[in-house]
Amino acid sequence: MVTDEIAAPARARLAVTVAFVAHGLLGAAWVARIPQIKEHLGLSAGTMGVALLGAPVGVVAAVRFAGWIVDRWGSRATTVAAGTAGALALVPLGLSWNLASLICSLVLMGGSLGLMDVAMNAQGVAVERGYGRPLMSGLHGYYSIGTLLSALVGSAAAHAGVPVAVHLTLAAVVLVLLLAVGCRDLLDRSIDVPPEVDDAPGDADAPSARRRSTAVRAARWPLVMLGVIGLCSFVGEGAMADWSAIYLRESLGTGPGAAGLGYAGCAIAMTAGRLAGDRVVARFGPVAVLRIGSLVAALGLALGLAAANPVAAVSGFTLFGLGIAVVAPVTFSAAGNVPGVPAAAGISRVTGVGYLGLLGGPPVIGFIAQGVGLAWALAVPAGLAALIVLLAPAAGTAER
């Protein structure tokens, strides 16, 4: 029995790690094939841009209802079901025959990814509680590894001339099997109850749903502050992905190959920072790590932009990725540990605000760049990272 008690948390940790890897694999499965899909459908750049909004729209819509869905069916079932639906959405995505079919497939995949995101993070919070030490940063690191692996496989498939439909169908089969086998040991739905639900005096017989609703309202401001932290972080992540190569190429005059080094440095540093982040958070605490990391991100990016040369810029983007790496894991962990609030409900509220930064940040950077130049526009993520330094105490609930 003792052996089973020790093995059960380890199995749950492995299962939730598989879920994070699968989420990364799923989200990046089709990215390398975008040019072939665009060419096959004969879409212009503008029309393709409209189609690409399908996934973000699906994510935002799903996140709004994720807390209720997890409360109804549990984070275990939701993680597997949403992941499976997202994997199956790859099949019609690869078979898209016109703009409408492409958009519908992306909305379905985006919605599945958003729902799975909230549910698997709720599982991550529960496993973290069971271990009694930080684990969330490492889980997000494995998500980044999944994204990288999927992008590499997609690039190899494109290089080998594998048809898009065949590639994405095979990816769907692999992902469905991975979720079915690898996520069997996710924790059951009993972990989805909120921590420390204290009844108000004279309210002992109040229905659980009413007490829970009261707790969520009382936690509104902490969740709003955590959501703003997530938004500040995601604006920077989106800006690095969409604008760093353009800045290096057009503003600093680098070659096409060197232009990609900015985001590569940011992504690699972010992955490394997340894989090492749990030990740092356990040693210094989430608030201190959030402050120091955000300060590194803000100063690194600002100084890199101020120097206005390619080496400094790549270094700045890399430091930004390293500093911002633990922000999302620490924020989600804190949102899942707000007393009296179910983990999925807290995470879904914070994710909903944070994703606004990921989706809206890059276009805003573009509008600002149009007026004052891209260097000044990219200073916005540096300023938002500095704001996280001030908002960091909101993550104190992650101490639990």
Protein backbone atom coordinates (compact mmCIF):
# COMPACT_ATOMS: atom_id res chain seq x y z
CA MET A 1 0.00 0.00 0.00
CA VAL A 2 2.84 2.37 0.81
CA THR A 3 4.32 1.72 -2.62
CA ASP A 4 0.97 2.55 -4.26
CA GLU A 5 0.69 5.79 -2.28
CA ILE A 6 4.13 6.85 -3.51
CA ALA A 7 3.54 5.70 -7.09
CA ALA A 8 0.14 7.37 -7.56
CA PRO A 9 1.43 11.00 -7.47
CA ALA A 10 4.32 10.01 -9.75
CA ARG A 11 1.91 8.48 -12.26
CA ALA A 12 -0.31 11.56 -12.11
CA ARG A 13 2.71 13.80 -12.68
CA LEU A 14 3.76 11.75 -15.71
CA ALA A 15 0.20 11.84 -17.07
CA VAL A 16 -0.13 15.62 -16.77
CA THR A 17 3.33 16.01 -18.32
CA VAL A 18 2.11 13.97 -21.29
CA ALA A 19 -0.92 16.28 -21.53
CA PHE A 20 1.31 19.37 -21.68
CA VAL A 21 3.55 17.77 -24.33
CA ALA A 22 0.47 16.77 -26.34
CA HIS A 23 -0.88 20.32 -26.15
CA GLY A 24 2.39 21.65 -27.58
CA LEU A 25 2.46 18.97 -30.29
CA LEU A 26 -1.13 19.73 -31.27
CA GLY A 27 -0.78 23.50 -31.38
CA ALA A 28 2.27 23.41 -33.65
CA ALA A 29 1.35 20.39 -35.79
CA TRP A 30 0.16 22.41 -38.74
CA VAL A 31 2.32 25.54 -38.49
CA ALA A 32 5.03 24.35 -40.89
CA ARG A 33 2.35 23.46 -43.46
CA ILE A 34 0.70 26.89 -43.54
CA PRO A 35 2.45 27.89 -46.79
CA GLN A 36 1.26 24.70 -48.56
CA ILE A 37 -2.30 25.15 -47.30
CA LYS A 38 -2.31 28.78 -48.43
CA GLU A 39 -0.99 27.82 -51.86
CA HIS A 40 -3.40 24.89 -52.24
CA LEU A 41 -6.42 27.07 -51.51
CA GLY A 42 -5.13 30.01 -53.57
CA LEU A 43 -5.50 32.48 -50.71
CA SER A 44 -4.00 35.94 -50.65
CA ALA A 45 -1.95 37.09 -47.67
CA GLY A 46 -4.87 39.16 -46.40
CA THR A 47 -7.37 36.32 -46.77
CA MET A 48 -4.99 33.92 -45.04
CA GLY A 49 -4.69 36.44 -42.22
CA VAL A 50 -8.47 36.34 -41.81
CA ALA A 51 -8.39 32.54 -41.73
CA LEU A 52 -5.68 32.54 -39.07
CA LEU A 53 -8.06 34.41 -36.76
CA GLY A 54 -10.13 31.22 -36.54
CA ALA A 55 -7.93 29.56 -33.92
CA PRO A 56 -7.75 32.60 -31.60
CA VAL A 57 -11.51 33.07 -31.85
CA GLY A 58 -11.99 29.43 -30.86
CA VAL A 59 -9.57 29.77 -27.94
CA VAL A 60 -11.24 32.87 -26.53
CA ALA A 61 -14.74 31.40 -26.88
CA ALA A 62 -13.75 28.13 -25.18
CA VAL A 63 -11.92 29.79 -22.30
CA ARG A 64 -15.07 31.70 -21.35
CA PHE A 65 -16.89 28.43 -20.63
CA ALA A 66 -13.94 26.32 -19.50
CA GLY A 67 -14.52 26.82 -15.78
CA TRP A 68 -18.13 25.69 -16.03
CA ILE A 69 -17.25 22.70 -18.23
CA VAL A 70 -14.51 21.50 -15.87
CA ASP A 71 -16.82 22.00 -12.89
CA ARG A 72 -19.45 19.88 -14.65
CA TRP A 73 -17.32 17.02 -16.02
CA GLY A 74 -13.97 17.32 -14.23
CA SER A 75 -10.54 18.36 -15.46
CA ARG A 76 -9.46 14.79 -16.20
CA ALA A 77 -12.25 14.04 -18.67
CA THR A 78 -12.08 17.55 -20.12
CA THR A 79 -8.32 17.35 -20.75
CA VAL A 80 -8.60 14.06 -22.66
CA ALA A 81 -11.82 14.96 -24.52
CA ALA A 82 -10.64 18.41 -25.56
CA GLY A 83 -7.24 17.11 -26.63
CA THR A 84 -8.86 14.33 -28.67
CA ALA A 85 -11.24 16.79 -30.35
CA GLY A 86 -8.34 19.07 -31.21
CA ALA A 87 -6.34 16.17 -32.66
CA LEU A 88 -9.29 15.06 -34.78
CA ALA A 89 -9.68 18.64 -36.04
CA LEU A 90 -6.32 18.23 -37.79
CA VAL A 91 -7.95 15.85 -40.28
CA PRO A 92 -10.44 18.32 -41.83
CA LEU A 93 -7.76 21.00 -41.51
CA GLY A 94 -5.51 19.01 -43.82
CA LEU A 95 -8.42 18.32 -46.16
CA SER A 96 -9.68 21.93 -46.29
CA TRP A 97 -11.15 22.70 -49.71
CA ASN A 98 -12.06 26.38 -49.31
CA LEU A 99 -11.74 29.32 -46.93
CA ALA A 100 -14.85 28.44 -44.92
CA SER A 101 -13.74 24.86 -44.25
CA LEU A 102 -10.30 26.11 -43.17
CA ILE A 103 -11.78 28.65 -40.75
CA CYS A 104 -14.20 26.09 -39.25
CA SER A 105 -11.37 23.61 -38.70
CA LEU A 106 -9.23 26.27 -37.02
CA VAL A 107 -12.09 27.42 -34.79
CA LEU A 108 -12.62 23.81 -33.65
CA MET A 109 -8.92 23.26 -33.05
CA GLY A 110 -8.52 26.59 -31.25
CA GLY A 111 -11.52 25.92 -29.02
CA SER A 112 -10.18 22.48 -28.14
CA LEU A 113 -6.75 23.92 -27.33
CA GLY A 114 -8.24 26.62 -25.11
CA LEU A 115 -10.41 24.18 -23.20
CA MET A 116 -7.57 21.69 -22.81
CA ASP A 117 -5.27 24.49 -21.64
CA VAL A 118 -7.47 25.37 -18.68
CA ALA A 119 -8.22 21.74 -17.76
CA MET A 120 -4.61 20.52 -17.88
CA ASN A 121 -3.40 23.52 -15.86
CA ALA A 122 -6.03 22.66 -13.24
CA GLN A 123 -4.58 19.13 -13.18
CA GLY A 124 -1.11 20.64 -12.88
CA VAL A 125 -2.17 22.68 -9.85
CA ALA A 126 -3.58 19.54 -8.19
CA VAL A 127 -0.41 17.53 -8.81
CA GLU A 128 1.63 20.46 -7.50
CA ARG A 129 -0.42 20.44 -4.29
CA GLY A 130 0.14 16.71 -3.92
CA TYR A 131 3.90 17.11 -4.18
CA GLY A 132 3.93 20.17 -1.95
CA ARG A 133 6.45 21.98 -4.16
CA PRO A 134 6.44 23.93 -7.44
CA LEU A 135 5.99 21.85 -10.60
CA MET A 136 4.09 24.14 -12.95
CA SER A 137 7.12 25.77 -14.58
CA GLY A 138 8.53 22.41 -15.63
CA LEU A 139 5.17 21.38 -17.08
CA HIS A 140 5.11 24.51 -19.23
CA GLY A 141 8.67 23.70 -20.25
CA TYR A 142 7.53 20.34 -21.58
CA TYR A 143 4.78 22.13 -23.49
CA SER A 144 7.50 24.21 -25.17
CA ILE A 145 9.42 21.03 -26.00
CA GLY A 146 6.28 19.58 -27.59
CA THR A 147 5.86 22.71 -29.69
CA LEU A 148 9.46 22.55 -30.89
CA LEU A 149 9.28 18.82 -31.73
CA SER A 150 6.05 19.27 -33.66
CA ALA A 151 7.46 22.18 -35.65
CA LEU A 152 10.55 20.14 -36.55
CA VAL A 153 8.47 17.14 -37.64
CA GLY A 154 6.25 19.40 -39.74
CA SER A 155 9.25 20.99 -41.40
CA ALA A 156 10.74 17.56 -42.15
CA ALA A 157 7.43 16.36 -43.61
CA ALA A 158 7.19 19.45 -45.80
CA HIS A 159 10.79 19.00 -46.96
CA ALA A 160 10.14 15.34 -47.81
CA GLY A 161 7.06 16.24 -49.85
CA VAL A 162 4.58 14.41 -47.62
CA PRO A 163 1.06 15.59 -48.55
CA VAL A 164 -0.46 17.90 -45.96
CA ALA A 165 -3.55 15.71 -45.51
CA VAL A 166 -1.42 12.60 -44.89
CA HIS A 167 0.87 14.39 -42.45
CA LEU A 168 -1.94 15.90 -40.37
CA THR A 169 -3.98 12.67 -40.37
CA LEU A 170 -1.00 10.72 -39.07
CA ALA A 171 -0.39 13.44 -36.48
CA ALA A 172 -4.03 13.15 -35.37
CA VAL A 173 -3.73 9.37 -34.93
CA VAL A 174 -0.53 9.68 -32.91
CA LEU A 175 -2.00 12.38 -30.67
CA VAL A 176 -5.23 10.48 -30.00
CA LEU A 177 -3.23 7.40 -28.99
CA LEU A 178 -0.84 9.47 -26.88
CA LEU A 179 -3.72 11.05 -24.95
CA ALA A 180 -5.56 7.76 -24.51
CA VAL A 181 -2.52 5.88 -23.21
CA GLY A 182 -0.46 8.61 -21.58
CA CYS A 183 -3.22 10.42 -19.69
CA ARG A 184 -4.92 7.43 -18.05
CA ASP A 185 -3.48 8.31 -14.66
CA LEU A 186 -4.69 11.89 -14.48
CA LEU A 187 -6.29 12.62 -11.11
CA ASP A 188 -10.02 12.08 -10.77
CA ARG A 189 -12.52 14.90 -10.50
CA SER A 190 -12.34 15.09 -6.70
CA ILE A 191 -9.30 17.36 -7.15
CA ASP A 192 -11.44 20.02 -8.84
CA VAL A 193 -13.03 21.22 -5.60
CA PRO A 194 -11.76 24.62 -4.42
CA PRO A 195 -9.20 24.84 -1.60
CA GLU A 196 -10.21 26.15 1.81
CA VAL A 197 -13.91 26.82 1.28
CA ASP A 198 -14.87 28.41 4.59
CA ASP A 199 -18.56 28.89 5.26
CA ALA A 200 -19.66 32.24 6.54
CA PRO A 201 -21.24 32.29 10.04
CA GLY A 202 -24.81 31.14 9.94
CA ASP A 203 -24.36 29.91 6.40
CA ALA A 204 -23.51 26.27 7.07
CA ASP A 205 -26.52 24.98 5.18
CA ALA A 206 -26.03 27.20 2.14
CA PRO A 207 -25.79 25.30 -1.13
CA SER A 208 -22.24 24.58 -2.25
CA ALA A 209 -22.76 26.40 -5.56
CA ARG A 210 -23.84 29.57 -3.71
CA ARG A 211 -20.82 29.47 -1.38
CA ARG A 212 -18.53 28.87 -4.33
CA SER A 213 -20.05 31.79 -6.27
CA THR A 214 -19.53 34.06 -3.25
CA ALA A 215 -15.90 32.98 -2.99
CA VAL A 216 -15.30 33.70 -6.68
CA ARG A 217 -16.79 37.20 -6.32
CA ALA A 218 -14.63 37.86 -3.27
CA ALA A 219 -11.55 36.79 -5.23
CA ARG A 220 -12.39 39.03 -8.19
CA TRP A 221 -9.61 41.55 -7.67
CA PRO A 222 -6.81 39.06 -7.05
CA LEU A 223 -7.86 37.25 -10.21
CA VAL A 224 -8.01 40.52 -12.15
CA MET A 225 -4.48 41.38 -11.02
CA LEU A 226 -3.23 37.93 -12.01
CA GLY A 227 -4.98 38.34 -15.36
CA VAL A 228 -3.18 41.65 -15.95
CA ILE A 229 0.14 39.94 -15.15
CA GLY A 230 -0.69 37.26 -17.71
CA LEU A 231 -1.69 39.90 -20.26
CA CYS A 232 1.61 41.77 -19.79
CA SER A 233 3.54 38.53 -20.30
CA PHE A 234 1.57 37.33 -23.32
CA VAL A 235 1.86 40.67 -25.12
CA GLY A 236 5.62 40.19 -25.00
CA GLU A 237 5.48 36.56 -26.11
CA GLY A 238 3.28 37.45 -29.07
CA ALA A 239 5.46 40.42 -29.99
CA MET A 240 8.64 38.31 -29.98
CA ALA A 241 7.01 35.68 -32.20
CA ASP A 242 5.57 38.12 -34.73
CA TRP A 243 7.92 41.10 -34.76
CA SER A 244 11.45 40.15 -33.68
CA ALA A 245 12.45 38.81 -37.12
CA ILE A 246 10.94 41.83 -38.85
CA TYR A 247 12.85 44.17 -36.54
CA LEU A 248 16.16 42.42 -37.20
CA ARG A 249 15.56 42.25 -40.95
CA GLU A 250 14.03 45.63 -41.72
CA SER A 251 15.25 47.89 -38.92
CA LEU A 252 18.77 46.50 -38.45
CA GLY A 253 19.40 45.12 -41.94
CA THR A 254 20.29 41.50 -41.10
CA GLY A 255 20.02 38.68 -43.62
CA PRO A 256 16.99 36.41 -43.80
CA GLY A 257 18.73 33.63 -41.86
CA ALA A 258 19.97 35.86 -39.06
CA ALA A 259 16.55 37.50 -38.72
CA GLY A 260 15.13 34.34 -37.20
CA LEU A 261 17.75 34.21 -34.46
CA GLY A 262 15.88 36.71 -32.29
CA TYR A 263 12.84 34.53 -31.75
CA ALA A 264 14.97 31.36 -31.67
CA GLY A 265 17.00 32.82 -28.80
CA CYS A 266 13.84 33.90 -26.99
CA ALA A 267 12.16 30.49 -27.42
CA ILE A 268 15.19 28.46 -26.35
CA ALA A 269 15.81 30.68 -23.32
CA MET A 270 12.14 30.47 -22.35
CA THR A 271 12.15 26.67 -22.56
CA ALA A 272 15.34 26.41 -20.51
CA GLY A 273 14.02 28.90 -17.96
CA ARG A 274 10.80 26.92 -17.51
CA LEU A 275 12.58 23.59 -17.13
CA ALA A 276 14.78 25.08 -14.40
CA GLY A 277 12.11 27.35 -12.96
CA ASP A 278 10.59 25.03 -10.37
CA ARG A 279 13.82 24.77 -8.40
CA VAL A 280 14.25 28.54 -8.46
CA VAL A 281 10.65 29.16 -7.37
CA ALA A 282 11.00 26.60 -4.55
CA ARG A 283 14.18 28.32 -3.37
CA PHE A 284 13.15 31.98 -3.55
CA GLY A 285 9.33 31.94 -3.73
CA PRO A 286 7.03 32.89 -6.63
CA VAL A 287 6.78 36.61 -5.86
CA ALA A 288 10.54 37.17 -5.74
CA VAL A 289 11.13 35.10 -8.88
CA LEU A 290 8.36 36.96 -10.70
CA ARG A 291 9.94 40.29 -9.78
CA ILE A 292 13.50 39.34 -10.67
CA GLY A 293 12.53 37.57 -13.88
CA SER A 294 10.37 40.45 -15.08
CA LEU A 295 13.12 42.93 -14.28
CA VAL A 296 15.62 40.87 -16.31
CA ALA A 297 13.13 40.76 -19.19
CA ALA A 298 12.46 44.50 -19.08
CA LEU A 299 16.07 45.63 -18.80
CA GLY A 300 17.39 43.03 -21.26
CA LEU A 301 14.92 43.99 -23.98
CA ALA A 302 15.24 47.73 -23.37
CA LEU A 303 19.04 47.70 -23.50
CA GLY A 304 19.06 45.43 -26.55
CA LEU A 305 16.77 47.81 -28.42
CA ALA A 306 18.71 50.89 -27.30
CA ALA A 307 21.98 49.49 -28.63
CA ALA A 308 20.44 49.17 -32.11
CA ASN A 309 22.75 46.44 -33.43
CA PRO A 310 21.92 42.82 -34.30
CA VAL A 311 24.03 41.13 -31.60
CA ALA A 312 22.60 43.31 -28.85
CA ALA A 313 19.06 42.87 -30.18
CA VAL A 314 19.31 39.06 -30.26
CA SER A 315 20.78 39.15 -26.75
CA GLY A 316 17.91 41.36 -25.61
CA PHE A 317 15.28 39.05 -27.09
CA THR A 318 17.01 36.09 -25.43
CA LEU A 319 17.09 37.77 -22.02
CA PHE A 320 13.44 38.69 -22.43
CA GLY A 321 12.56 35.03 -23.03
CA LEU A 322 14.59 33.92 -20.02
CA GLY A 323 13.07 36.52 -17.71
CA ILE A 324 9.49 36.05 -18.80
CA ALA A 325 9.70 32.23 -18.80
CA VAL A 326 8.20 31.61 -15.36
CA VAL A 327 5.52 34.31 -15.48
CA ALA A 328 2.75 32.20 -17.03
CA PRO A 329 3.43 29.07 -14.90
CA VAL A 330 3.57 31.07 -11.65
CA THR A 331 0.47 33.05 -12.60
CA PHE A 332 -1.57 29.95 -13.46
CA SER A 333 -0.44 28.25 -10.27
CA ALA A 334 -1.50 31.27 -8.23
CA ALA A 335 -4.87 31.45 -10.01
CA GLY A 336 -5.47 27.78 -9.25
CA ASN A 337 -4.78 28.26 -5.56
CA VAL A 338 -7.00 31.22 -4.70
CA PRO A 339 -8.85 30.11 -1.54
CA GLY A 340 -12.46 29.12 -2.17
CA VAL A 341 -12.17 29.24 -5.96
CA PRO A 342 -12.07 26.05 -8.07
CA ALA A 343 -8.73 25.79 -9.86
CA ALA A 344 -10.30 25.70 -13.33
CA ALA A 345 -12.51 28.71 -12.59
CA GLY A 346 -9.55 30.79 -11.44
CA ILE A 347 -7.34 29.69 -14.31
CA SER A 348 -10.04 30.28 -16.93
CA ARG A 349 -10.58 33.86 -15.74
CA VAL A 350 -6.86 34.64 -15.75
CA THR A 351 -6.33 32.88 -19.08
CA GLY A 352 -9.22 34.80 -20.64
CA VAL A 353 -7.58 38.13 -19.79
CA GLY A 354 -4.07 36.94 -20.59
CA TYR A 355 -4.96 35.66 -24.05
CA LEU A 356 -6.20 39.12 -24.96
CA GLY A 357 -2.56 40.17 -24.79
CA LEU A 358 -1.38 37.24 -26.90
CA LEU A 359 -4.00 37.89 -29.58
CA GLY A 360 -4.26 41.68 -29.46
CA GLY A 361 -0.69 42.56 -28.58
CA PRO A 362 1.01 41.96 -31.94
CA PRO A 363 -1.51 44.05 -33.95
CA VAL A 364 -1.19 46.89 -31.41
CA ILE A 365 2.61 46.70 -31.74
CA GLY A 366 2.11 47.07 -35.50
CA PHE A 367 -0.09 50.15 -35.13
CA ILE A 368 2.42 51.79 -32.77
CA ALA A 369 5.30 50.94 -35.12
CA GLN A 370 3.45 52.65 -37.93
CA GLY A 371 3.54 55.87 -35.98
CA VAL A 372 6.84 55.89 -34.05
CA GLY A 373 8.92 53.04 -35.49
CA LEU A 374 9.29 49.38 -34.57
CA ALA A 375 12.08 49.89 -32.02
CA TRP A 376 9.87 52.14 -29.89
CA ALA A 377 6.90 49.81 -30.40
CA LEU A 378 8.91 46.85 -29.11
CA ALA A 379 9.70 48.88 -26.02
CA VAL A 380 6.06 48.35 -25.01
CA PRO A 381 6.66 44.72 -23.92
CA ALA A 382 9.65 45.95 -21.91
CA GLY A 383 7.43 48.46 -20.12
CA LEU A 384 4.77 45.83 -19.46
CA ALA A 385 7.41 43.49 -18.04
CA ALA A 386 8.43 46.30 -15.68
CA LEU A 387 4.77 46.61 -14.63
CA ILE A 388 4.80 42.92 -13.61
CA VAL A 389 7.48 43.83 -11.05
CA LEU A 390 4.89 46.02 -9.31
CA LEU A 391 2.02 43.52 -9.64
CA ALA A 392 4.03 40.48 -8.50
CA PRO A 393 2.55 40.31 -4.94
CA ALA A 394 -0.72 39.13 -6.51
CA ALA A 395 1.03 35.79 -7.13
CA GLY A 396 1.41 35.21 -3.39
CA THR A 397 -1.35 32.59 -3.43
CA ALA A 398 1.08 30.31 -5.28
CA GLU A 399 2.92 29.97 -1.98
CA ARG A 400 0.26 27.41 -1.07
